[in-house]
Amino acid sequence: MSPIETDPADSVPIEVSLDADETEVPAVEADTRIDILVETEAYPTARLDDGRYVAWWHTTDCPAPDDPATSEWVTAPTRFLAAGTLHELWENPAAMESLNA
């Protein structure tokens, strides 16, 4: 996972995972999924075992975050930040590609 930071003193820890393998699957608490609407898109989110939140995939008809088909997700301190960051990455494929490079 790659943290995205600006000024270390003012940063918010956000992790972006692209093409993750099975060893990087986030530990999600059961029954915590809530879909968050960002503009016109809904992004599934869930609480992680460590208290952060994860948003993944790009449709509400998506597999669970621990499903082998899920290979991209964003982890952040809040559901809204995770979903919003994922939305921005999906809206700007060049940003997604630059993180993968």
C-alpha atoms as a PDB file:
ATOM      1  CA  MET A   1       0.000   0.000   0.000  1.00  0.00           C
ATOM      2  CA  SER A   2       1.154   3.497  -0.788  1.00  0.00           C
ATOM      3  CA  PRO A   3       0.407   6.343   1.625  1.00  0.00           C
ATOM      4  CA  ILE A   4      -0.553   9.658   0.017  1.00  0.00           C
ATOM      5  CA  GLU A   5       0.802  12.592   1.997  1.00  0.00           C
ATOM      6  CA  THR A   6       1.485  16.288   1.543  1.00  0.00           C
ATOM      7  CA  ASP A   7       3.012  18.073   4.535  1.00  0.00           C
ATOM      8  CA  PRO A   8       3.850  15.488   7.232  1.00  0.00           C
ATOM      9  CA  ALA A   9       2.645  17.867   9.956  1.00  0.00           C
ATOM     10  CA  ASP A  10      -0.785  18.265   8.329  1.00  0.00           C
ATOM     11  CA  SER A  11      -1.205  14.884   6.669  1.00  0.00           C
ATOM     12  CA  VAL A  12      -4.058  12.444   6.952  1.00  0.00           C
ATOM     13  CA  PRO A  13      -2.985   8.818   6.506  1.00  0.00           C
ATOM     14  CA  ILE A  14      -4.655   7.373   3.408  1.00  0.00           C
ATOM     15  CA  GLU A  15      -3.544   4.062   1.949  1.00  0.00           C
ATOM     16  CA  VAL A  16      -4.292   3.107  -1.633  1.00  0.00           C
ATOM     17  CA  SER A  17      -3.953  -0.500  -2.695  1.00  0.00           C
ATOM     18  CA  LEU A  18      -3.779  -1.415  -6.379  1.00  0.00           C
ATOM     19  CA  ASP A  19      -3.473  -4.945  -7.703  1.00  0.00           C
ATOM     20  CA  ALA A  20      -3.252  -6.305  -4.165  1.00  0.00           C
ATOM     21  CA  ASP A  21      -2.640  -9.961  -3.571  1.00  0.00           C
ATOM     22  CA  GLU A  22      -4.262 -12.219  -0.993  1.00  0.00           C
ATOM     23  CA  THR A  23      -1.712 -11.314   1.710  1.00  0.00           C
ATOM     24  CA  GLU A  24      -2.846  -7.662   1.704  1.00  0.00           C
ATOM     25  CA  VAL A  25      -6.566  -8.235   2.277  1.00  0.00           C
ATOM     26  CA  PRO A  26      -7.899  -5.780   4.889  1.00  0.00           C
ATOM     27  CA  ALA A  27      -9.349  -7.201   8.115  1.00  0.00           C
ATOM     28  CA  VAL A  28     -12.957  -5.949   7.968  1.00  0.00           C
ATOM     29  CA  GLU A  29     -15.400  -6.094  10.896  1.00  0.00           C
ATOM     30  CA  ALA A  30     -18.493  -8.150  10.118  1.00  0.00           C
ATOM     31  CA  ASP A  31     -21.746  -6.354   9.250  1.00  0.00           C
ATOM     32  CA  THR A  32     -20.213  -2.861   8.965  1.00  0.00           C
ATOM     33  CA  ARG A  33     -20.760  -2.263   5.231  1.00  0.00           C
ATOM     34  CA  ILE A  34     -22.430   1.025   4.332  1.00  0.00           C
ATOM     35  CA  ASP A  35     -22.543   2.381   0.787  1.00  0.00           C
ATOM     36  CA  ILE A  36     -21.484   6.046   0.632  1.00  0.00           C
ATOM     37  CA  LEU A  37     -22.759   8.298  -2.146  1.00  0.00           C
ATOM     38  CA  VAL A  38     -20.125  10.585  -3.704  1.00  0.00           C
ATOM     39  CA  GLU A  39     -21.650  12.791  -6.387  1.00  0.00           C
ATOM     40  CA  THR A  40     -23.654  10.208  -8.374  1.00  0.00           C
ATOM     41  CA  GLU A  41     -21.689   7.069  -7.468  1.00  0.00           C
ATOM     42  CA  ALA A  42     -22.154   4.797  -4.457  1.00  0.00           C
ATOM     43  CA  TYR A  43     -19.025   3.259  -2.943  1.00  0.00           C
ATOM     44  CA  PRO A  44     -19.138   0.370  -0.488  1.00  0.00           C
ATOM     45  CA  THR A  45     -17.283   1.043   2.765  1.00  0.00           C
ATOM     46  CA  ALA A  46     -16.656  -0.999   5.906  1.00  0.00           C
ATOM     47  CA  ARG A  47     -14.890  -0.558   9.249  1.00  0.00           C
ATOM     48  CA  LEU A  48     -11.528  -2.268   9.619  1.00  0.00           C
ATOM     49  CA  ASP A  49     -10.515  -4.159  12.727  1.00  0.00           C
ATOM     50  CA  ASP A  50      -8.117  -1.308  13.603  1.00  0.00           C
ATOM     51  CA  GLY A  51     -10.861   1.379  13.515  1.00  0.00           C
ATOM     52  CA  ARG A  52     -10.088   2.869  10.100  1.00  0.00           C
ATOM     53  CA  TYR A  53     -12.435   2.506   7.134  1.00  0.00           C
ATOM     54  CA  VAL A  54     -12.023   1.016   3.695  1.00  0.00           C
ATOM     55  CA  ALA A  55     -13.747   1.759   0.386  1.00  0.00           C
ATOM     56  CA  TRP A  56     -13.339  -0.624  -2.518  1.00  0.00           C
ATOM     57  CA  TRP A  57     -14.328  -1.438  -6.067  1.00  0.00           C
ATOM     58  CA  HIS A  58     -16.469   0.977  -8.037  1.00  0.00           C
ATOM     59  CA  THR A  59     -20.006  -0.399  -8.021  1.00  0.00           C
ATOM     60  CA  THR A  60     -22.395  -1.474  -5.322  1.00  0.00           C
ATOM     61  CA  ASP A  61     -22.620  -4.906  -6.994  1.00  0.00           C
ATOM     62  CA  CYS A  62     -19.099  -5.646  -5.895  1.00  0.00           C
ATOM     63  CA  PRO A  63     -17.476  -8.574  -4.142  1.00  0.00           C
ATOM     64  CA  ALA A  64     -16.517  -8.364  -0.472  1.00  0.00           C
ATOM     65  CA  PRO A  65     -13.179  -6.677   0.306  1.00  0.00           C
ATOM     66  CA  ASP A  66     -11.680 -10.078   1.162  1.00  0.00           C
ATOM     67  CA  ASP A  67     -12.848 -11.681  -2.111  1.00  0.00           C
ATOM     68  CA  PRO A  68      -9.900 -12.572  -4.390  1.00  0.00           C
ATOM     69  CA  ALA A  69     -11.500 -10.491  -7.178  1.00  0.00           C
ATOM     70  CA  THR A  70     -11.111  -7.302  -5.123  1.00  0.00           C
ATOM     71  CA  SER A  71      -7.710  -5.846  -5.861  1.00  0.00           C
ATOM     72  CA  GLU A  72      -8.183  -2.086  -5.371  1.00  0.00           C
ATOM     73  CA  TRP A  73      -9.257  -0.245  -2.253  1.00  0.00           C
ATOM     74  CA  VAL A  74      -8.599   2.900  -0.227  1.00  0.00           C
ATOM     75  CA  THR A  75      -8.161   2.933   3.554  1.00  0.00           C
ATOM     76  CA  ALA A  76      -8.677   6.177   5.504  1.00  0.00           C
ATOM     77  CA  PRO A  77      -9.696   7.445   8.967  1.00  0.00           C
ATOM     78  CA  THR A  78     -13.333   7.950   7.892  1.00  0.00           C
ATOM     79  CA  ARG A  79     -15.766   6.242   5.512  1.00  0.00           C
ATOM     80  CA  PHE A  80     -16.325   9.496   3.660  1.00  0.00           C
ATOM     81  CA  LEU A  81     -12.618  10.150   3.134  1.00  0.00           C
ATOM     82  CA  ALA A  82     -12.076   6.588   1.898  1.00  0.00           C
ATOM     83  CA  ALA A  83     -15.036   6.751  -0.506  1.00  0.00           C
ATOM     84  CA  GLY A  84     -14.175  10.276  -1.674  1.00  0.00           C
ATOM     85  CA  THR A  85     -10.556   9.353  -2.366  1.00  0.00           C
ATOM     86  CA  LEU A  86     -11.585   6.247  -4.279  1.00  0.00           C
ATOM     87  CA  HIS A  87     -14.052   8.356  -6.250  1.00  0.00           C
ATOM     88  CA  GLU A  88     -11.351  10.866  -7.171  1.00  0.00           C
ATOM     89  CA  LEU A  89      -9.044   8.076  -8.328  1.00  0.00           C
ATOM     90  CA  TRP A  90     -11.762   6.475 -10.450  1.00  0.00           C
ATOM     91  CA  GLU A  91     -12.622   9.876 -11.941  1.00  0.00           C
ATOM     92  CA  ASN A  92      -8.965  10.529 -12.797  1.00  0.00           C
ATOM     93  CA  PRO A  93      -7.385   7.353 -14.225  1.00  0.00           C
ATOM     94  CA  ALA A  94      -4.042   9.160 -14.713  1.00  0.00           C
ATOM     95  CA  ALA A  95      -3.794   9.594 -10.933  1.00  0.00           C
ATOM     96  CA  MET A  96      -4.529   5.891 -10.449  1.00  0.00           C
ATOM     97  CA  GLU A  97      -1.846   4.988 -13.002  1.00  0.00           C
ATOM     98  CA  SER A  98       0.711   7.306 -11.371  1.00  0.00           C
ATOM     99  CA  LEU A  99       0.204   5.534  -8.036  1.00  0.00           C
ATOM    100  CA  ASN A 100       0.664   2.167  -9.696  1.00  0.00           C
ATOM    101  CA  ALA A 101       3.958   3.228 -11.320  1.00  0.00           C
END
